[in-house]
PDB file of N, CA and C in Angstrom:
ATOM      1  N   MET A   1       0.946  -1.277  -0.025  1.00  0.00           N
ATOM      2  CA  MET A   1      -0.012  -0.010   0.002  1.00  0.00           C
ATOM      3  C   MET A   1       0.839   1.233  -0.002  1.00  0.00           C
ATOM      4  N   SER A   2       0.306   2.280  -0.596  1.00  0.00           N
ATOM      5  CA  SER A   2       1.001   3.630  -0.548  1.00  0.00           C
ATOM      6  C   SER A   2       0.060   4.557  -0.474  1.00  0.00           C
ATOM      7  N   LEU A   3       0.824   5.769  -0.262  1.00  0.00           N
ATOM      8  CA  LEU A   3      -0.092   6.969  -0.195  1.00  0.00           C
ATOM      9  C   LEU A   3      -0.997   7.262  -1.456  1.00  0.00           C
ATOM     10  N   ARG A   4      -0.420   7.099  -2.507  1.00  0.00           N
ATOM     11  CA  ARG A   4      -1.124   7.327  -3.852  1.00  0.00           C
ATOM     12  C   ARG A   4      -2.470   6.325  -3.943  1.00  0.00           C
ATOM     13  N   ASP A   5      -2.445   5.387  -3.146  1.00  0.00           N
ATOM     14  CA  ASP A   5      -3.696   4.544  -3.240  1.00  0.00           C
ATOM     15  C   ASP A   5      -4.850   5.217  -2.212  1.00  0.00           C
ATOM     16  N   TRP A   6      -4.696   6.562  -1.574  1.00  0.00           N
ATOM     17  CA  TRP A   6      -5.600   7.110  -0.862  1.00  0.00           C
ATOM     18  C   TRP A   6      -6.007   8.391  -1.550  1.00  0.00           C
ATOM     19  N   ASP A   7      -7.405   8.636  -1.221  1.00  0.00           N
ATOM     20  CA  ASP A   7      -7.925   9.786  -1.551  1.00  0.00           C
ATOM     21  C   ASP A   7      -7.785  10.865  -0.433  1.00  0.00           C
ATOM     22  N   ILE A   8      -6.809  11.752  -0.452  1.00  0.00           N
ATOM     23  CA  ILE A   8      -6.851  12.719   0.627  1.00  0.00           C
ATOM     24  C   ILE A   8      -7.427  14.091   0.308  1.00  0.00           C
ATOM     25  N   VAL A   9      -8.193  14.364   1.349  1.00  0.00           N
ATOM     26  CA  VAL A   9      -9.134  15.596   1.076  1.00  0.00           C
ATOM     27  C   VAL A   9      -8.795  16.279   2.510  1.00  0.00           C
ATOM     28  N   GLY A  10      -8.164  17.450   2.515  1.00  0.00           N
ATOM     29  CA  GLY A  10      -8.005  18.231   3.638  1.00  0.00           C
ATOM     30  C   GLY A  10      -7.298  17.398   4.672  1.00  0.00           C
ATOM     31  N   HIS A  11      -7.916  17.101   5.892  1.00  0.00           N
ATOM     32  CA  HIS A  11      -7.281  16.355   6.792  1.00  0.00           C
ATOM     33  C   HIS A  11      -7.986  15.096   7.118  1.00  0.00           C
ATOM     34  N   MET A  12      -8.296  14.482   5.978  1.00  0.00           N
ATOM     35  CA  MET A  12      -9.018  13.214   5.909  1.00  0.00           C
ATOM     36  C   MET A  12      -8.570  12.399   4.765  1.00  0.00           C
ATOM     37  N   ALA A  13      -8.301  11.066   4.832  1.00  0.00           N
ATOM     38  CA  ALA A  13      -8.007  10.177   3.753  1.00  0.00           C
ATOM     39  C   ALA A  13      -8.922   9.136   3.678  1.00  0.00           C
ATOM     40  N   LEU A  14      -9.307   8.708   2.453  1.00  0.00           N
ATOM     41  CA  LEU A  14     -10.242   7.858   2.169  1.00  0.00           C
ATOM     42  C   LEU A  14      -9.700   6.804   1.237  1.00  0.00           C
ATOM     43  N   ARG A  15     -10.264   5.415   1.641  1.00  0.00           N
ATOM     44  CA  ARG A  15      -9.702   4.379   0.740  1.00  0.00           C
ATOM     45  C   ARG A  15     -10.842   3.214   0.804  1.00  0.00           C
ATOM     46  N   GLN A  16     -10.936   2.334  -0.435  1.00  0.00           N
ATOM     47  CA  GLN A  16     -11.822   1.291  -0.318  1.00  0.00           C
ATOM     48  C   GLN A  16     -10.964   0.140  -0.161  1.00  0.00           C
ATOM     49  N   VAL A  17     -11.179  -0.800   0.904  1.00  0.00           N
ATOM     50  CA  VAL A  17     -10.482  -1.800   1.150  1.00  0.00           C
ATOM     51  C   VAL A  17     -11.639  -3.066   1.498  1.00  0.00           C
ATOM     52  N   ASN A  18     -11.468  -4.012   0.696  1.00  0.00           N
ATOM     53  CA  ASN A  18     -12.458  -5.138   0.587  1.00  0.00           C
ATOM     54  C   ASN A  18     -13.534  -4.777   0.783  1.00  0.00           C
ATOM     55  N   GLY A  19     -14.032  -3.874  -0.035  1.00  0.00           N
ATOM     56  CA  GLY A  19     -15.527  -3.391  -0.142  1.00  0.00           C
ATOM     57  C   GLY A  19     -16.018  -2.299   0.861  1.00  0.00           C
ATOM     58  N   LYS A  20     -14.935  -2.119   1.877  1.00  0.00           N
ATOM     59  CA  LYS A  20     -15.454  -1.094   3.103  1.00  0.00           C
ATOM     60  C   LYS A  20     -14.614   0.116   2.740  1.00  0.00           C
ATOM     61  N   GLN A  21     -15.343   1.254   3.096  1.00  0.00           N
ATOM     62  CA  GLN A  21     -14.685   2.630   3.019  1.00  0.00           C
ATOM     63  C   GLN A  21     -13.945   2.820   4.224  1.00  0.00           C
ATOM     64  N   ILE A  22     -12.601   3.066   4.101  1.00  0.00           N
ATOM     65  CA  ILE A  22     -11.662   3.332   5.302  1.00  0.00           C
ATOM     66  C   ILE A  22     -11.679   4.850   5.274  1.00  0.00           C
ATOM     67  N   MET A  23     -11.843   5.513   6.495  1.00  0.00           N
ATOM     68  CA  MET A  23     -11.369   7.019   6.587  1.00  0.00           C
ATOM     69  C   MET A  23     -10.466   7.070   7.641  1.00  0.00           C
ATOM     70  N   ILE A  24      -9.447   7.747   7.523  1.00  0.00           N
ATOM     71  CA  ILE A  24      -8.386   8.115   8.339  1.00  0.00           C
ATOM     72  C   ILE A  24      -8.398   9.782   8.744  1.00  0.00           C
ATOM     73  N   THR A  25      -8.168  10.171   9.926  1.00  0.00           N
ATOM     74  CA  THR A  25      -7.751  11.531  10.271  1.00  0.00           C
ATOM     75  C   THR A  25      -6.543  11.462  11.064  1.00  0.00           C
ATOM     76  N   PRO A  26      -6.097  12.602  11.146  1.00  0.00           N
ATOM     77  CA  PRO A  26      -4.649  12.683  11.963  1.00  0.00           C
ATOM     78  C   PRO A  26      -4.763  12.204  13.358  1.00  0.00           C
ATOM     79  N   GLY A  27      -5.830  12.681  13.905  1.00  0.00           N
ATOM     80  CA  GLY A  27      -5.933  12.228  15.389  1.00  0.00           C
ATOM     81  C   GLY A  27      -4.805  12.728  16.202  1.00  0.00           C
ATOM     82  N   GLY A  28      -4.115  11.894  16.760  1.00  0.00           N
ATOM     83  CA  GLY A  28      -2.999  12.295  17.655  1.00  0.00           C
ATOM     84  C   GLY A  28      -1.458  12.183  17.025  1.00  0.00           C
ATOM     85  N   PHE A  29      -1.776  11.913  15.651  1.00  0.00           N
ATOM     86  CA  PHE A  29      -0.341  11.885  14.824  1.00  0.00           C
ATOM     87  C   PHE A  29      -0.075  13.402  14.352  1.00  0.00           C
ATOM     88  N   THR A  30       1.134  13.403  13.891  1.00  0.00           N
ATOM     89  CA  THR A  30       1.880  14.866  13.364  1.00  0.00           C
ATOM     90  C   THR A  30       1.055  15.225  11.926  1.00  0.00           C
ATOM     91  N   GLY A  31       0.756  14.193  11.344  1.00  0.00           N
ATOM     92  CA  GLY A  31      -0.084  14.678  10.064  1.00  0.00           C
ATOM     93  C   GLY A  31      -0.867  13.512   9.497  1.00  0.00           C
ATOM     94  N   ILE A  32      -1.483  13.633   8.401  1.00  0.00           N
ATOM     95  CA  ILE A  32      -2.393  12.446   7.877  1.00  0.00           C
ATOM     96  C   ILE A  32      -1.381  11.418   7.171  1.00  0.00           C
ATOM     97  N   GLU A  33      -0.249  11.732   6.734  1.00  0.00           N
ATOM     98  CA  GLU A  33       0.643  10.619   6.146  1.00  0.00           C
ATOM     99  C   GLU A  33       1.205   9.783   7.459  1.00  0.00           C
ATOM    100  N   ALA A  34       1.338  10.390   8.522  1.00  0.00           N
ATOM    101  CA  ALA A  34       1.845   9.422   9.706  1.00  0.00           C
ATOM    102  C   ALA A  34       0.529   8.603  10.201  1.00  0.00           C
ATOM    103  N   ALA A  35      -0.542   9.210   9.966  1.00  0.00           N
ATOM    104  CA  ALA A  35      -1.765   8.339  10.540  1.00  0.00           C
ATOM    105  C   ALA A  35      -1.986   7.221   9.397  1.00  0.00           C
ATOM    106  N   ILE A  36      -1.936   7.568   8.094  1.00  0.00           N
ATOM    107  CA  ILE A  36      -2.070   6.538   7.190  1.00  0.00           C
ATOM    108  C   ILE A  36      -0.905   5.475   7.362  1.00  0.00           C
ATOM    109  N   LYS A  37       0.204   5.788   7.432  1.00  0.00           N
ATOM    110  CA  LYS A  37       1.413   4.864   7.757  1.00  0.00           C
ATOM    111  C   LYS A  37       1.195   3.770   8.922  1.00  0.00           C
ATOM    112  N   ASP A  38       0.618   4.470  10.074  1.00  0.00           N
ATOM    113  CA  ASP A  38       0.257   3.796  11.192  1.00  0.00           C
ATOM    114  C   ASP A  38      -0.834   2.606  10.818  1.00  0.00           C
ATOM    115  N   TRP A  39      -1.914   3.003  10.209  1.00  0.00           N
ATOM    116  CA  TRP A  39      -2.933   2.287   9.755  1.00  0.00           C
ATOM    117  C   TRP A  39      -2.420   1.259   8.876  1.00  0.00           C
ATOM    118  N   GLU A  40      -1.692   1.460   8.035  1.00  0.00           N
ATOM    119  CA  GLU A  40      -1.102   0.377   6.963  1.00  0.00           C
ATOM    120  C   GLU A  40      -0.220  -0.613   7.602  1.00  0.00           C
ATOM    121  N   ALA A  41       0.492  -0.169   8.821  1.00  0.00           N
ATOM    122  CA  ALA A  41       1.219  -1.103   9.637  1.00  0.00           C
ATOM    123  C   ALA A  41       0.442  -1.938  10.366  1.00  0.00           C
ATOM    124  N   ARG A  42      -0.621  -1.307  10.990  1.00  0.00           N
ATOM    125  CA  ARG A  42      -1.510  -2.297  11.864  1.00  0.00           C
ATOM    126  C   ARG A  42      -2.386  -3.278  10.951  1.00  0.00           C
ATOM    127  N   GLU A  43      -2.687  -2.704   9.596  1.00  0.00           N
ATOM    128  CA  GLU A  43      -3.433  -3.573   8.763  1.00  0.00           C
ATOM    129  C   GLU A  43      -2.441  -4.751   8.242  1.00  0.00           C
ATOM    130  N   ALA A  44      -1.309  -4.548   8.062  1.00  0.00           N
ATOM    131  CA  ALA A  44      -0.427  -5.442   7.560  1.00  0.00           C
ATOM    132  C   ALA A  44      -0.108  -6.605   8.599  1.00  0.00           C
ATOM    133  N   VAL A  45      -0.153  -6.308   9.878  1.00  0.00           N
ATOM    134  CA  VAL A  45       0.005  -7.305  11.010  1.00  0.00           C
ATOM    135  C   VAL A  45      -1.132  -8.182  11.025  1.00  0.00           C
ATOM    136  N   ARG A  46      -2.571  -7.446  11.004  1.00  0.00           N
ATOM    137  CA  ARG A  46      -3.643  -8.089  10.916  1.00  0.00           C
ATOM    138  C   ARG A  46      -3.899  -9.001   9.793  1.00  0.00           C
ATOM    139  N   GLN A  47      -3.324  -8.769   8.586  1.00  0.00           N
ATOM    140  CA  GLN A  47      -3.414  -9.477   7.395  1.00  0.00           C
ATOM    141  C   GLN A  47      -2.561 -10.802   7.669  1.00  0.00           C
ATOM    142  N   ARG A  48      -1.180 -10.592   8.275  1.00  0.00           N
ATOM    143  CA  ARG A  48      -0.347 -11.498   8.580  1.00  0.00           C
ATOM    144  C   ARG A  48      -0.842 -12.530   9.298  1.00  0.00           C
ATOM    145  N   GLN A  49      -1.516 -12.144  10.441  1.00  0.00           N
ATOM    146  CA  GLN A  49      -2.226 -13.081  11.661  1.00  0.00           C
ATOM    147  C   GLN A  49      -3.162 -13.845  10.865  1.00  0.00           C
ATOM    148  N   SER A  50      -4.071 -13.314   9.932  1.00  0.00           N
ATOM    149  CA  SER A  50      -5.157 -13.905   9.529  1.00  0.00           C
ATOM    150  C   SER A  50      -4.747 -15.090   8.692  1.00  0.00           C
ATOM    151  N   VAL A  51      -3.497 -14.790   7.727  1.00  0.00           N
ATOM    152  CA  VAL A  51      -3.008 -15.907   6.862  1.00  0.00           C
ATOM    153  C   VAL A  51      -2.269 -16.813   7.775  1.00  0.00           C
ATOM    154  N   GLU A  52      -1.749 -16.601   8.780  1.00  0.00           N
ATOM    155  CA  GLU A  52      -1.104 -17.642   9.625  1.00  0.00           C
ATOM    156  C   GLU A  52      -2.253 -18.405  10.153  1.00  0.00           C
ATOM    157  N   GLU A  53      -3.282 -17.937  10.754  1.00  0.00           N
ATOM    158  CA  GLU A  53      -4.472 -18.804  11.220  1.00  0.00           C
ATOM    159  C   GLU A  53      -5.088 -19.586  10.306  1.00  0.00           C
ATOM    160  N   LEU A  54      -5.156 -19.165   8.975  1.00  0.00           N
ATOM    161  CA  LEU A  54      -5.720 -19.949   7.670  1.00  0.00           C
ATOM    162  C   LEU A  54      -4.727 -21.029   7.574  1.00  0.00           C
ATOM    163  N   GLY A  55      -3.483 -20.712   7.470  1.00  0.00           N
ATOM    164  CA  GLY A  55      -2.499 -22.043   7.296  1.00  0.00           C
ATOM    165  C   GLY A  55      -2.500 -23.072   8.450  1.00  0.00           C
ATOM    166  N   LYS A  56      -2.543 -22.572   9.723  1.00  0.00           N
ATOM    167  CA  LYS A  56      -2.925 -23.632  10.605  1.00  0.00           C
ATOM    168  C   LYS A  56      -4.191 -24.592  10.443  1.00  0.00           C
ATOM    169  N   LEU A  57      -5.288 -23.746   9.880  1.00  0.00           N
ATOM    170  CA  LEU A  57      -6.467 -24.674   9.741  1.00  0.00           C
ATOM    171  C   LEU A  57      -6.104 -25.491   8.602  1.00  0.00           C
ATOM    172  N   VAL A  58      -5.595 -25.082   7.674  1.00  0.00           N
ATOM    173  CA  VAL A  58      -5.387 -25.976   6.377  1.00  0.00           C
ATOM    174  C   VAL A  58      -4.434 -26.958   6.845  1.00  0.00           C
ATOM    175  N   ASN A  59      -3.208 -26.780   7.291  1.00  0.00           N
ATOM    176  CA  ASN A  59      -2.227 -27.930   7.939  1.00  0.00           C
ATOM    177  C   ASN A  59      -3.045 -28.789   8.789  1.00  0.00           C
ATOM    178  N   ALA A  60      -4.070 -28.393   9.503  1.00  0.00           N
ATOM    179  CA  ALA A  60      -4.594 -29.451  10.477  1.00  0.00           C
ATOM    180  C   ALA A  60      -5.677 -30.286   9.752  1.00  0.00           C
ATOM    181  N   ALA A  61      -6.230 -29.597   8.798  1.00  0.00           N
ATOM    182  CA  ALA A  61      -7.110 -30.292   7.672  1.00  0.00           C
ATOM    183  C   ALA A  61      -6.429 -31.315   7.100  1.00  0.00           C
ATOM    184  N   LEU A  62      -5.075 -31.011   6.490  1.00  0.00           N
ATOM    185  CA  LEU A  62      -4.187 -31.956   5.717  1.00  0.00           C
ATOM    186  C   LEU A  62      -3.752 -33.135   6.696  1.00  0.00           C
ATOM    187  N   ASP A  63      -3.378 -32.720   7.838  1.00  0.00           N
ATOM    188  CA  ASP A  63      -2.922 -33.777   8.666  1.00  0.00           C
ATOM    189  C   ASP A  63      -4.007 -34.734   8.941  1.00  0.00           C
ATOM    190  N   ARG A  64      -5.281 -34.510   8.803  1.00  0.00           N
ATOM    191  CA  ARG A  64      -6.383 -35.233   9.280  1.00  0.00           C
ATOM    192  C   ARG A  64      -6.661 -36.235   8.127  1.00  0.00           C
ATOM    193  N   MET A  65      -6.126 -35.893   6.893  1.00  0.00           N
ATOM    194  CA  MET A  65      -6.499 -36.824   5.672  1.00  0.00           C
ATOM    195  C   MET A  65      -5.667 -38.024   5.557  1.00  0.00           C
TER     196      MET A  65
END
């Protein structure tokens, strides 16, 4: 993901992710770019954990075969 994937309007950034609209505001960050980078870092961790969980389920299913 990169900043060019976001529609930045004033102090708000918008993006569609998996059919959901994500809206980011600076909040406690120094700027909208820092808020976007933080969200992207947290989203990458969430996706990695989700894939790891799926992998464990697939491995368990294959072990039962």
